[in-house]
Protein backbone atom coordinates (compact mmCIF):
# COMPACT_ATOMS: atom_id res chain seq x y z
CA UNK A 1 0.05 0.13 0.10
CA UNK A 2 1.15 3.35 -0.81
CA UNK A 3 1.32 5.96 1.83
CA UNK A 4 1.49 8.91 -0.27
CA UNK A 5 -1.12 11.68 -0.24
CA UNK A 6 -1.63 12.36 -3.97
CA UNK A 7 -3.74 15.53 -3.55
CA UNK A 8 -1.16 16.92 -1.02
CA UNK A 9 1.68 15.91 -3.50
CA UNK A 10 -0.23 17.96 -6.37
CA UNK A 11 -0.56 20.90 -4.22
CA UNK A 12 3.19 20.78 -3.06
CA UNK A 13 4.32 20.22 -6.55
CA UNK A 14 2.41 23.11 -7.86
CA UNK A 15 3.90 25.22 -5.33
CA UNK A 16 7.30 24.16 -6.43
CA UNK A 17 6.63 24.37 -10.12
CA UNK A 18 7.08 20.76 -10.78
CA UNK A 19 5.56 18.38 -13.44
CA UNK A 20 6.63 15.15 -11.26
CA UNK A 21 8.85 13.73 -8.86
CA UNK A 22 11.47 11.20 -9.96
CA UNK A 23 12.33 9.59 -6.51
CA UNK A 24 15.53 7.08 -6.18
CA UNK A 25 16.04 6.51 -2.50
CA UNK A 26 14.94 3.11 -1.57
CA UNK A 27 12.92 4.17 1.66
CA UNK A 28 11.06 6.83 -0.48
CA UNK A 29 10.36 4.44 -3.34
CA UNK A 30 8.69 2.10 -0.86
CA UNK A 31 6.72 4.99 0.59
CA UNK A 32 5.56 5.97 -2.85
CA UNK A 33 5.06 2.45 -4.35
CA UNK A 34 4.00 0.51 -1.50
CA UNK A 35 6.49 -2.34 -1.92
CA UNK A 36 10.28 -2.79 -1.46
CA UNK A 37 12.77 -1.26 -4.23
CA UNK A 38 14.38 -4.62 -4.01
CA UNK A 39 18.16 -5.93 -3.70
CA UNK A 40 19.58 -4.06 -6.48
CA UNK A 41 19.68 -0.86 -4.15
CA UNK A 42 22.23 -2.45 -2.18
CA UNK A 43 24.96 -0.85 -4.35
CA UNK A 44 23.52 2.77 -3.16
CA UNK A 45 23.58 3.78 -6.65
CA UNK A 46 20.74 5.88 -8.41
CA UNK A 47 18.60 4.08 -11.21
CA UNK A 48 17.98 0.38 -9.99
CA UNK A 49 14.68 1.52 -8.53
CA UNK A 50 12.84 4.84 -9.43
CA UNK A 51 9.45 6.11 -8.33
CA UNK A 52 7.56 8.48 -10.77
CA UNK A 53 4.94 10.70 -9.14
CA UNK A 54 3.19 12.95 -11.74
CA UNK A 55 1.91 16.26 -10.41
CA UNK A 56 -1.38 15.38 -12.08
CA UNK A 57 -2.93 13.10 -9.39
CA UNK A 58 -5.00 11.43 -12.19
CA UNK A 59 -1.95 10.05 -13.81
CA UNK A 60 -0.94 6.84 -12.04
CA UNK A 61 2.28 6.37 -10.38
CA UNK A 62 5.18 4.74 -12.51
CA UNK A 63 7.91 2.69 -11.22
CA UNK A 64 11.38 1.19 -12.57
CA UNK A 65 12.51 -1.86 -10.76
CA UNK A 66 14.27 -5.03 -11.18
CA UNK A 67 13.04 -8.17 -12.71
CA UNK A 68 13.92 -9.86 -9.34
CA UNK A 69 11.65 -7.37 -7.28
CA UNK A 70 8.83 -7.20 -9.96
CA UNK A 71 6.63 -10.13 -8.52
CA UNK A 72 6.51 -8.42 -5.04
CA UNK A 73 5.83 -5.13 -6.30
CA UNK A 74 3.05 -6.43 -8.83
CA UNK A 75 1.21 -8.32 -5.79
CA UNK A 76 1.53 -5.15 -3.52
CA UNK A 77 0.80 -2.42 -5.85
CA UNK A 78 -0.88 -3.79 -9.10
CA UNK A 79 -2.19 -0.13 -9.81
CA UNK A 80 1.40 1.05 -10.54
CA UNK A 81 2.74 1.23 -13.89
CA UNK A 82 5.85 -0.89 -13.59
CA UNK A 83 8.73 -1.28 -16.00
CA UNK A 84 11.40 -3.76 -15.29
CA UNK A 85 15.07 -4.23 -15.93
CA UNK A 86 17.46 -7.11 -15.58
CA UNK A 87 19.76 -7.26 -12.83
CA UNK A 88 22.70 -9.90 -12.11
CA UNK A 89 20.48 -12.54 -10.35
CA UNK A 90 19.65 -15.39 -12.26
CA UNK A 91 15.49 -16.21 -12.38
CA UNK A 92 13.21 -18.19 -14.08
CA UNK A 93 9.79 -19.80 -13.42
CA UNK A 94 9.72 -23.54 -13.41
CA UNK A 95 6.04 -23.93 -12.16
CA UNK A 96 4.99 -25.27 -15.53
CA UNK A 97 7.78 -28.10 -15.04
CA UNK A 98 6.79 -29.12 -11.78
CA UNK A 99 4.78 -32.33 -12.97
CA UNK A 100 7.41 -33.11 -15.54
CA UNK A 101 9.47 -35.84 -14.27
CA UNK A 102 11.49 -35.93 -17.38
CA UNK A 103 12.13 -32.23 -17.70
CA UNK A 104 15.86 -31.57 -18.23
CA UNK A 105 18.22 -28.51 -19.63
CA UNK A 106 16.27 -28.37 -22.73
CA UNK A 107 12.84 -27.70 -21.04
CA UNK A 108 14.61 -25.08 -18.54
CA UNK A 109 16.04 -23.36 -21.58
CA UNK A 110 12.67 -23.10 -23.08
CA UNK A 111 11.22 -21.74 -20.02
CA UNK A 112 13.74 -18.77 -20.01
CA UNK A 113 13.29 -18.09 -23.58
CA UNK A 114 9.32 -18.10 -23.37
CA UNK A 115 9.46 -15.65 -20.31
CA UNK A 116 11.81 -13.26 -22.10
CA UNK A 117 14.55 -14.12 -19.45
CA UNK A 118 17.35 -15.59 -21.90
CA UNK A 119 20.50 -13.81 -22.58
CA UNK A 120 23.40 -12.27 -20.58
CA UNK A 121 22.82 -10.13 -17.38
CA UNK A 122 24.75 -7.20 -16.23
CA UNK A 123 27.42 -7.26 -13.43
CA UNK A 124 24.94 -5.56 -11.08
CA UNK A 125 22.34 -3.46 -12.94
CA UNK A 126 22.36 -1.54 -16.19
CA UNK A 127 21.75 2.04 -15.13
CA UNK A 128 21.15 3.25 -18.89
CA UNK A 129 18.55 0.84 -19.28
CA UNK A 130 16.79 2.01 -16.23
CA UNK A 131 17.02 5.72 -17.25
CA UNK A 132 15.71 4.53 -20.64
CA UNK A 133 12.57 2.97 -18.91
CA UNK A 134 12.32 6.30 -16.85
CA UNK A 135 12.19 8.11 -20.28
CA UNK A 136 9.35 5.83 -21.53
CA UNK A 137 7.12 6.56 -18.53
CA UNK A 138 7.83 10.47 -18.80
CA UNK A 139 7.03 10.31 -22.56
CA UNK A 140 4.18 8.15 -22.36
CA UNK A 141 2.50 10.67 -19.79
CA UNK A 142 3.46 13.94 -21.66
CA UNK A 143 6.10 14.68 -19.15
CA UNK A 144 9.31 14.23 -21.41
CA UNK A 145 9.90 17.91 -21.32
CA UNK A 146 8.70 18.80 -17.83
CA UNK A 147 10.38 20.14 -14.81
CA UNK A 148 11.15 17.03 -12.82
CA UNK A 149 12.00 16.96 -9.00
CA UNK A 150 14.77 14.68 -7.89
CA UNK A 151 15.71 13.76 -4.52
CA UNK A 152 19.31 14.96 -4.85
CA UNK A 153 19.74 14.42 -1.20
CA UNK A 154 20.23 10.81 -1.94
CA UNK A 155 21.17 10.68 -5.81
CA UNK A 156 25.12 10.51 -6.23
CA UNK A 157 26.40 13.46 -8.25
CA UNK A 158 27.86 11.10 -11.09
CA UNK A 159 24.46 9.38 -11.52
CA UNK A 160 22.58 12.86 -11.58
CA UNK A 161 25.08 13.87 -14.46
CA UNK A 162 24.20 10.48 -16.24
CA UNK A 163 20.54 11.16 -15.77
CA UNK A 164 20.65 14.50 -17.30
CA UNK A 165 22.64 13.14 -20.25
CA UNK A 166 20.18 10.41 -20.69
CA UNK A 167 17.03 12.44 -20.91
CA UNK A 168 18.33 15.77 -22.08
CA UNK A 169 14.77 17.12 -22.93
CA UNK A 170 13.86 16.96 -19.18
CA UNK A 171 14.76 19.47 -16.78
CA UNK A 172 15.80 18.14 -13.53
CA UNK A 173 16.05 20.02 -10.22
CA UNK A 174 16.21 19.25 -6.60
CA UNK A 175 12.97 18.04 -5.44
CA UNK A 176 14.16 16.78 -1.81
CA UNK A 177 12.04 19.49 -0.03
CA UNK A 178 8.92 18.23 -1.61
CA UNK A 179 9.70 14.81 -0.67
CA UNK A 180 10.33 15.63 2.78
CA UNK A 181 7.49 17.74 3.46
CA UNK A 182 5.15 14.94 1.92
CA UNK A 183 6.83 12.43 4.28
CA UNK A 184 6.72 14.48 7.42
CA UNK A 185 2.80 14.01 7.51
CA UNK A 186 2.13 10.43 8.00
CA UNK A 187 -0.61 8.33 6.66
CA UNK A 188 -3.07 6.03 9.12
CA UNK A 189 -0.96 3.31 8.54
CA UNK A 190 2.38 4.91 9.18
CA UNK A 191 1.18 6.38 12.32
CA UNK A 192 -0.11 2.77 13.46
CA UNK A 193 3.61 1.24 12.66
CA UNK A 194 5.07 4.17 14.91
CA UNK A 195 2.60 3.49 17.62
CA UNK A 196 3.44 0.13 17.74
CA UNK A 197 7.28 0.53 17.46
CA UNK A 198 6.97 2.96 20.37
CA UNK A 199 4.94 0.54 22.48
CA UNK A 200 7.68 -2.41 21.85
CA UNK A 201 10.48 0.10 22.83
CA UNK A 202 8.96 1.17 25.85
CA UNK A 203 7.99 -2.32 27.12
CA UNK A 204 11.83 -3.02 26.48
CA UNK A 205 12.57 -0.17 28.91
CA UNK A 206 10.34 -1.65 31.66
CA UNK A 207 12.43 -5.14 31.08
CA UNK A 208 15.62 -3.36 31.11
CA UNK A 209 14.86 -1.33 34.52
CA UNK A 210 13.92 -4.78 36.07
CA UNK A 211 17.45 -6.15 35.01
CA UNK A 212 19.39 -3.18 36.67
CA UNK A 213 21.34 -4.42 39.99
CA UNK A 214 24.77 -4.08 41.37
CA UNK A 215 27.57 -5.29 39.01
CA UNK A 216 25.26 -5.83 36.01
CA UNK A 217 27.12 -4.69 32.71
CA UNK A 218 25.88 -2.60 30.22
CA UNK A 219 25.42 -5.30 27.77
CA UNK A 220 23.15 -7.27 29.82
CA UNK A 221 21.04 -4.20 30.17
CA UNK A 222 20.95 -3.78 26.47
CA UNK A 223 20.02 -7.54 25.84
CA UNK A 224 17.18 -7.20 28.49
CA UNK A 225 15.92 -4.09 26.73
CA UNK A 226 15.93 -6.13 23.39
CA UNK A 227 14.20 -9.16 24.94
CA UNK A 228 11.58 -7.00 26.63
CA UNK A 229 10.74 -5.05 23.13
CA UNK A 230 10.66 -8.39 21.31
CA UNK A 231 8.34 -10.17 23.66
CA UNK A 232 6.07 -7.10 23.62
CA UNK A 233 6.06 -7.28 19.82
CA UNK A 234 5.18 -10.87 19.64
CA UNK A 235 2.54 -10.58 22.36
CA UNK A 236 1.12 -7.70 20.34
CA UNK A 237 0.79 -9.73 17.12
CA UNK A 238 3.43 -7.96 15.13
CA UNK A 239 7.08 -8.29 14.21
CA UNK A 240 10.00 -6.05 14.78
CA UNK A 241 12.11 -5.49 11.55
CA UNK A 242 14.83 -3.73 13.32
CA UNK A 243 16.08 -2.24 16.77
CA UNK A 244 18.69 0.23 18.18
CA UNK A 245 19.84 1.33 21.46
CA UNK A 246 22.23 4.05 22.91
CA UNK A 247 22.42 2.98 26.72
CA UNK A 248 25.06 4.47 29.03
CA UNK A 249 25.98 3.42 32.38
CA UNK A 250 27.75 5.67 34.90
CA UNK A 251 30.15 8.61 34.57
CA UNK A 252 32.13 7.51 31.55
CA UNK A 253 29.99 7.79 28.59
CA UNK A 254 32.24 5.75 26.11
CA UNK A 255 32.75 2.73 28.51
CA UNK A 256 30.89 0.05 26.75
CA UNK A 257 31.95 -2.42 29.51
CA UNK A 258 30.59 0.03 32.35
CA UNK A 259 28.79 -1.74 35.17
CA UNK A 260 26.12 -0.65 37.51
CA UNK A 261 27.44 0.75 40.83
CA UNK A 262 25.76 2.82 43.56
CA UNK A 263 24.86 6.28 42.20
CA UNK A 264 25.24 5.33 38.71
CA UNK A 265 23.25 7.32 35.98
CA UNK A 266 21.60 4.80 33.64
CA UNK A 267 20.49 6.66 30.20
CA UNK A 268 18.41 4.61 27.60
CA UNK A 269 17.67 6.11 24.26
CA UNK A 270 16.19 3.42 22.35
CA UNK A 271 13.81 2.60 19.19
CA UNK A 272 12.47 -0.44 17.35
CA UNK A 273 11.48 -0.42 13.72
CA UNK A 274 8.11 -2.10 12.66
CA UNK A 275 8.18 -2.64 8.76
CA UNK A 276 10.96 -0.03 8.63
CA UNK A 277 9.52 2.73 10.86
CA UNK A 278 11.69 3.56 13.89
CA UNK A 279 10.44 4.95 17.25
CA UNK A 280 12.58 7.27 19.40
CA UNK A 281 12.35 7.69 23.22
CA UNK A 282 14.52 7.89 26.05
CA UNK A 283 14.48 7.75 30.09
CA UNK A 284 16.99 8.07 32.70
CA UNK A 285 17.34 6.01 35.64
CA UNK A 286 19.53 5.99 38.64
CA UNK A 287 20.82 3.22 41.02
CA UNK A 288 20.79 4.81 44.47
CA UNK A 289 20.46 8.63 45.14
CA UNK A 290 22.04 10.63 42.16
CA UNK A 291 24.71 13.32 42.71
CA UNK A 292 23.08 16.65 43.78
CA UNK A 293 24.32 18.11 40.54
CA UNK A 294 22.56 15.67 38.29
CA UNK A 295 19.48 16.20 40.12
CA UNK A 296 19.68 19.92 39.39
CA UNK A 297 20.37 19.42 35.88
CA UNK A 298 17.66 16.71 35.54
CA UNK A 299 15.15 19.26 37.03
CA UNK A 300 16.24 21.62 34.43
CA UNK A 301 15.46 19.11 31.68
CA UNK A 302 12.16 18.41 32.96
CA UNK A 303 11.34 22.18 32.77
CA UNK A 304 12.65 22.59 29.60
CA UNK A 305 10.91 19.54 28.29
CA UNK A 306 7.47 20.89 29.80
CA UNK A 307 8.17 24.28 27.92
CA UNK A 308 8.75 22.61 24.64
CA UNK A 309 5.42 20.56 25.11
CA UNK A 310 3.55 23.58 25.93
CA UNK A 311 4.33 24.97 22.48
CA UNK A 312 3.96 21.48 20.70
CA UNK A 313 0.69 22.24 18.81
CA UNK A 314 -0.62 22.15 15.08
CA UNK A 315 0.16 25.53 13.45
CA UNK A 316 3.22 26.51 15.55
CA UNK A 317 6.82 26.74 14.08
CA UNK A 318 9.33 24.17 14.75
CA UNK A 319 11.59 26.69 15.89
CA UNK A 320 9.38 28.00 18.51
CA UNK A 321 9.86 24.67 20.34
CA UNK A 322 13.64 25.04 20.38
CA UNK A 323 13.38 28.65 21.49
CA UNK A 324 11.09 27.70 24.52
CA UNK A 325 13.23 24.97 25.62
CA UNK A 326 16.53 26.87 25.25
CA UNK A 327 15.08 29.74 27.08
CA UNK A 328 13.70 27.39 29.93
CA UNK A 329 17.52 26.20 30.35
CA UNK A 330 18.72 29.78 30.68
CA UNK A 331 16.08 30.62 33.40
CA UNK A 332 17.49 27.56 35.23
CA UNK A 333 20.95 29.01 35.02
CA UNK A 334 22.38 26.91 32.14
CA UNK A 335 23.55 29.75 29.98
CA UNK A 336 26.36 27.90 28.13
CA UNK A 337 24.04 24.99 27.35
CA UNK A 338 23.52 24.87 23.48
CA UNK A 339 21.50 22.01 21.57
CA UNK A 340 21.37 21.90 17.83
CA UNK A 341 17.79 20.47 18.00
CA UNK A 342 15.34 19.33 20.51
CA UNK A 343 13.88 16.65 18.58
CA UNK A 344 12.71 15.86 15.15
CA UNK A 345 10.30 13.96 13.02
CA UNK A 346 10.06 10.01 12.95
CA UNK A 347 9.32 7.62 10.38
CA UNK A 348 10.52 5.19 7.85
CA UNK A 349 13.70 7.39 6.56
CA UNK A 350 17.30 6.24 6.39
CA UNK A 351 18.15 7.02 9.83
CA UNK A 352 16.58 7.51 13.22
CA UNK A 353 15.94 11.05 13.09
CA UNK A 354 13.94 12.45 10.34
CA UNK A 355 13.54 16.11 9.18
CA UNK A 356 12.14 18.59 10.34
CA UNK A 357 13.92 19.22 13.34
CA UNK A 358 13.13 21.55 16.40
CA UNK A 359 15.86 23.77 15.57
CA UNK A 360 16.79 27.55 15.96
CA UNK A 361 16.15 28.11 12.37
CA UNK A 362 13.43 25.85 11.11
CA UNK A 363 10.40 27.69 10.11
CA UNK A 364 8.50 24.54 9.10
CA UNK A 365 5.08 24.30 10.58
CA UNK A 366 3.73 21.62 12.78
CA UNK A 367 0.58 19.82 10.90
CA UNK A 368 -1.67 17.36 12.29
CA UNK A 369 -0.70 13.67 11.47
CA UNK A 370 3.12 14.52 11.95
CA UNK A 371 4.66 12.21 14.36
CA UNK A 372 7.66 13.80 16.49
CA UNK A 373 10.06 12.83 19.07
CA UNK A 374 10.34 15.82 21.71
CA UNK A 375 13.84 15.38 23.50
CA UNK A 376 15.70 17.03 26.36
CA UNK A 377 19.16 15.64 26.51
CA UNK A 378 22.27 16.43 28.73
CA UNK A 379 25.65 14.77 28.22
CA UNK A 380 28.40 15.14 30.84
CA UNK A 381 31.50 13.21 30.92
CA UNK A 382 32.40 12.78 34.70
CA UNK A 383 28.71 12.82 35.68
CA UNK A 384 26.63 10.63 33.20
CA UNK A 385 24.05 10.97 30.44
CA UNK A 386 20.61 12.65 31.34
CA UNK A 387 17.69 12.51 29.00
CA UNK A 388 13.89 12.84 28.44
CA UNK A 389 12.42 11.74 25.06
CA UNK A 390 8.93 11.09 24.04
CA UNK A 391 7.09 10.41 20.75
CA UNK A 392 3.90 12.51 20.03
CA UNK A 393 1.18 12.51 17.27
CA UNK A 394 0.06 15.83 16.28
CA UNK A 395 -3.81 15.99 16.13
CA UNK A 396 -6.20 18.64 15.14
CA UNK A 397 -6.50 19.97 18.74
CA UNK A 398 -2.91 19.30 20.05
CA UNK A 399 -0.65 16.48 20.69
CA UNK A 400 -1.26 12.73 21.71
CA UNK A 401 1.55 10.96 23.59
CA UNK A 402 2.54 7.64 22.37
CA UNK A 403 4.51 6.71 25.51
CA UNK A 404 3.35 5.95 29.01
CA UNK A 405 6.28 5.69 31.21
CA UNK A 406 6.73 8.37 33.87
CA UNK A 407 9.47 10.83 32.89
CA UNK A 408 11.29 11.42 36.19
CA UNK A 409 14.49 10.43 37.33
CA UNK A 410 13.80 7.30 38.92
CA UNK A 411 15.99 5.46 41.69
CA UNK A 412 15.85 1.74 40.67
CA UNK A 413 17.51 0.71 44.05
CA UNK A 414 13.97 1.78 45.89
CA UNK A 415 12.18 -0.98 44.27
């Protein structure tokens, strides 16, 4: 299922003066088409998979993909105008020979020929063949001389130059901002995936907290978190496609062999992925009473988080949240504390953090159905890492928290 809102895409492309988007990033291909781009994207080059989104929502989405990925794409998105190219992987359908006990090489060769799968294959994929298929889609939809937005934040420079040479009649420009604005507002399916991912990650934090005891190493806490997240997903009837964690124990933030000792600060910034969509959240614990300075810093972080949350509403600018949180830290006496951003969008992009960011210069507007992570971190060598982070769905009326755990600095020795 495609997650793109064609009417919104139509409006955004009209504002940008685009006739279509040609999208090469594999995660964005899946967002547009509704199926994975396939193994040919492992080379990190542009062309093996291309999604074409005409500005006119009445024209169907087009796609270029490998013959290896074609079957899955056709099943998941039969409405897409799919053009296929050959990659290095040998393929043939031998279902017709299943009941033929005497079948041999001649019958297999005949199957190759009848399915148009005979002949040499490229070393990886044929970029020029892919660009030729893109040209076909544009030509057939009256877009051959159009202004085409490309996700240049992904496309390698060498591939972009080759694209312009291959399709000289089209005008290719950077369409990255249009794609990012499209992806920032989530579909109901995307929201549910992020809700599930947040649920599993938070269940992992509960399991991790239960494992904290004197002498327990960081690696055991990480394993406990993963086990808790996996168990929650299994109980919830869904699977995790990935997970990540940044857990620190104690005052040396780079010590991956650290163990829990009295007074240690334990910060867990974690996320799980469901169908490629990653949650992002964090909690901080201590084992025994934390140092007075740690308590004062955490109190300031709580105030900053509350100040940011008060500004988190549809129609407000992303930079307003940054200003509110930084001002709160200043009021609490931390005048040299600087933070490039206090959170970001979350979703199914390349990394954990997605654009837009709650940064000082972001004029982007919060819109309903955005899913964002609001974070207030403090990293102090010699003391420990302290962090609060929650995930929120922006609604028409305000925001809905996707997390349920208390945000305070909790002493786990008091259990």
